[in-house]
């Protein structure tokens, strides 16, 4: 047991702060690196060779490559991210609209089935059934 035992008070408070700062900067570096790589692929104005060149530059010389990319093309990074977020939102909204329209169509089918059952029981006449069917197919409420 001749090896020294390190306790928590052997690591000074300032060293803890420096360690936390370096860890935070290390994490931020990777966040920036991956955002630049994603932005390279997201940019529609760059051709294939330009994307390959930027990617090689960022991977081979990461600090210099990211710094040059942010200086040269960083102004439009936010605009491209906003454009992509809006496109995703519009796609989601159109999906919701299509799904809701499909649900209303199946509601129309259910409504027509109910009207057919009512007519079969003799509760409404053929003329009333025809008018109600026209209302359902036109998208108006059935007036229950």
Protein backbone atom coordinates (compact mmCIF):
# COMPACT_ATOMS: atom_id res chain seq x y z
CA UNK A 1 0.00 0.00 0.00
CA UNK A 2 2.76 2.36 -0.80
CA UNK A 3 0.95 4.00 -3.74
CA UNK A 4 -0.60 7.36 -2.95
CA UNK A 5 -4.35 7.59 -2.49
CA UNK A 6 -6.01 10.53 -4.25
CA UNK A 7 -8.91 12.15 -2.54
CA UNK A 8 -11.40 14.70 -3.80
CA UNK A 9 -9.58 17.56 -2.08
CA UNK A 10 -6.42 16.72 -4.04
CA UNK A 11 -8.06 18.20 -7.17
CA UNK A 12 -8.31 21.97 -6.67
CA UNK A 13 -11.51 23.86 -7.39
CA UNK A 14 -9.96 25.90 -10.19
CA UNK A 15 -8.88 22.68 -11.90
CA UNK A 16 -12.48 21.45 -11.74
CA UNK A 17 -13.65 24.65 -13.43
CA UNK A 18 -10.97 24.35 -16.12
CA UNK A 19 -11.88 20.71 -16.72
CA UNK A 20 -15.57 21.60 -17.04
CA UNK A 21 -14.74 24.46 -19.42
CA UNK A 22 -12.63 22.23 -21.66
CA UNK A 23 -15.30 19.52 -21.62
CA UNK A 24 -17.97 22.07 -22.59
CA UNK A 25 -15.79 23.46 -25.40
CA UNK A 26 -15.09 19.92 -26.63
CA UNK A 27 -18.84 19.16 -26.80
CA UNK A 28 -19.52 22.50 -28.54
CA UNK A 29 -16.80 21.74 -31.07
CA UNK A 30 -18.49 18.48 -32.05
CA UNK A 31 -21.88 20.20 -32.27
CA UNK A 32 -20.41 22.82 -34.61
CA UNK A 33 -18.56 20.20 -36.65
CA UNK A 34 -21.69 18.12 -37.21
CA UNK A 35 -23.81 21.21 -38.00
CA UNK A 36 -21.30 22.20 -40.67
CA UNK A 37 -21.29 18.69 -42.15
CA UNK A 38 -25.12 18.60 -42.19
CA UNK A 39 -25.19 22.07 -43.77
CA UNK A 40 -22.80 20.94 -46.51
CA UNK A 41 -25.22 18.17 -47.49
CA UNK A 42 -28.31 20.38 -47.04
CA UNK A 43 -27.09 23.17 -49.34
CA UNK A 44 -28.76 22.89 -52.75
CA UNK A 45 -26.61 25.61 -54.32
CA UNK A 46 -23.43 23.54 -54.02
CA UNK A 47 -22.66 20.95 -56.67
CA UNK A 48 -21.42 17.47 -55.94
CA UNK A 49 -17.72 18.28 -56.35
CA UNK A 50 -18.02 21.39 -54.19
CA UNK A 51 -19.73 19.37 -51.46
CA UNK A 52 -17.01 16.72 -51.70
CA UNK A 53 -14.30 19.38 -51.53
CA UNK A 54 -15.79 21.08 -48.46
CA UNK A 55 -16.32 17.71 -46.78
CA UNK A 56 -12.72 16.63 -47.39
CA UNK A 57 -11.48 20.02 -46.16
CA UNK A 58 -13.58 19.77 -42.98
CA UNK A 59 -12.55 16.16 -42.30
CA UNK A 60 -8.82 16.44 -43.14
CA UNK A 61 -8.23 19.82 -41.46
CA UNK A 62 -11.19 20.07 -39.11
CA UNK A 63 -10.37 23.27 -37.19
CA UNK A 64 -9.29 25.23 -40.24
CA UNK A 65 -12.02 23.71 -42.43
CA UNK A 66 -14.83 24.57 -40.02
CA UNK A 67 -13.43 28.06 -39.43
CA UNK A 68 -13.17 28.77 -43.17
CA UNK A 69 -16.62 27.28 -43.85
CA UNK A 70 -18.27 29.38 -41.13
CA UNK A 71 -16.55 32.52 -42.42
CA UNK A 72 -17.27 31.83 -46.09
CA UNK A 73 -20.73 30.26 -45.94
CA UNK A 74 -21.93 30.73 -42.37
CA UNK A 75 -24.25 33.64 -43.12
CA UNK A 76 -26.71 31.39 -44.96
CA UNK A 77 -26.52 28.40 -42.59
CA UNK A 78 -29.41 29.69 -40.51
CA UNK A 79 -31.48 30.51 -43.59
CA UNK A 80 -31.02 26.97 -44.91
CA UNK A 81 -32.01 25.51 -41.55
CA UNK A 82 -35.14 27.68 -41.40
CA UNK A 83 -36.02 26.73 -44.99
CA UNK A 84 -35.71 23.04 -44.16
CA UNK A 85 -37.78 23.43 -40.97
CA UNK A 86 -40.53 25.23 -42.91
CA UNK A 87 -40.51 22.50 -45.57
CA UNK A 88 -40.88 19.86 -42.87
CA UNK A 89 -43.73 21.81 -41.26
CA UNK A 90 -45.53 22.21 -44.60
CA UNK A 91 -45.12 18.50 -45.30
CA UNK A 92 -46.51 17.65 -41.87
CA UNK A 93 -49.43 20.07 -42.34
CA UNK A 94 -50.31 18.61 -45.74
CA UNK A 95 -50.16 15.11 -44.26
CA UNK A 96 -52.55 16.16 -41.49
CA UNK A 97 -54.90 17.77 -44.04
CA UNK A 98 -54.89 14.61 -46.19
CA UNK A 99 -55.47 12.41 -43.17
CA UNK A 100 -58.30 14.61 -41.91
CA UNK A 101 -59.88 14.63 -45.37
CA UNK A 102 -59.68 10.84 -45.45
CA UNK A 103 -61.37 10.68 -42.06
CA UNK A 104 -64.20 12.92 -43.25
CA UNK A 105 -64.64 10.72 -46.31
CA UNK A 106 -64.99 7.65 -44.12
CA UNK A 107 -67.42 9.67 -42.01
CA UNK A 108 -69.45 10.25 -45.17
CA UNK A 109 -69.48 6.53 -45.84
CA UNK A 110 -70.68 5.88 -42.29
CA UNK A 111 -73.34 8.56 -42.66
CA UNK A 112 -74.58 7.03 -45.93
CA UNK A 113 -74.71 3.59 -44.32
CA UNK A 114 -76.79 4.99 -41.45
CA UNK A 115 -79.14 6.71 -43.92
CA UNK A 116 -79.52 3.45 -45.83
CA UNK A 117 -80.43 1.60 -42.64
CA UNK A 118 -82.99 4.26 -41.72
CA UNK A 119 -84.53 4.02 -45.18
CA UNK A 120 -84.57 0.21 -44.99
CA UNK A 121 -86.48 0.41 -41.69
CA UNK A 122 -88.97 2.73 -43.37
CA UNK A 123 -88.31 5.72 -41.10
CA UNK A 124 -87.62 8.02 -44.10
CA UNK A 125 -88.96 8.08 -47.63
CA UNK A 126 -86.90 7.60 -50.76
CA UNK A 127 -87.14 11.36 -51.48
CA UNK A 128 -85.83 12.23 -47.99
CA UNK A 129 -83.04 9.67 -48.43
CA UNK A 130 -82.06 11.20 -51.78
CA UNK A 131 -81.93 14.75 -50.31
CA UNK A 132 -79.95 13.59 -47.26
CA UNK A 133 -77.55 11.68 -49.50
CA UNK A 134 -76.94 14.79 -51.61
CA UNK A 135 -76.24 16.79 -48.46
CA UNK A 136 -73.76 14.18 -47.19
CA UNK A 137 -71.98 13.91 -50.53
CA UNK A 138 -71.75 17.68 -50.91
CA UNK A 139 -70.02 17.90 -47.53
CA UNK A 140 -72.80 19.72 -45.68
CA UNK A 141 -73.84 18.58 -42.21
CA UNK A 142 -76.73 16.16 -42.20
CA UNK A 143 -78.82 18.16 -39.77
CA UNK A 144 -79.40 15.36 -37.25
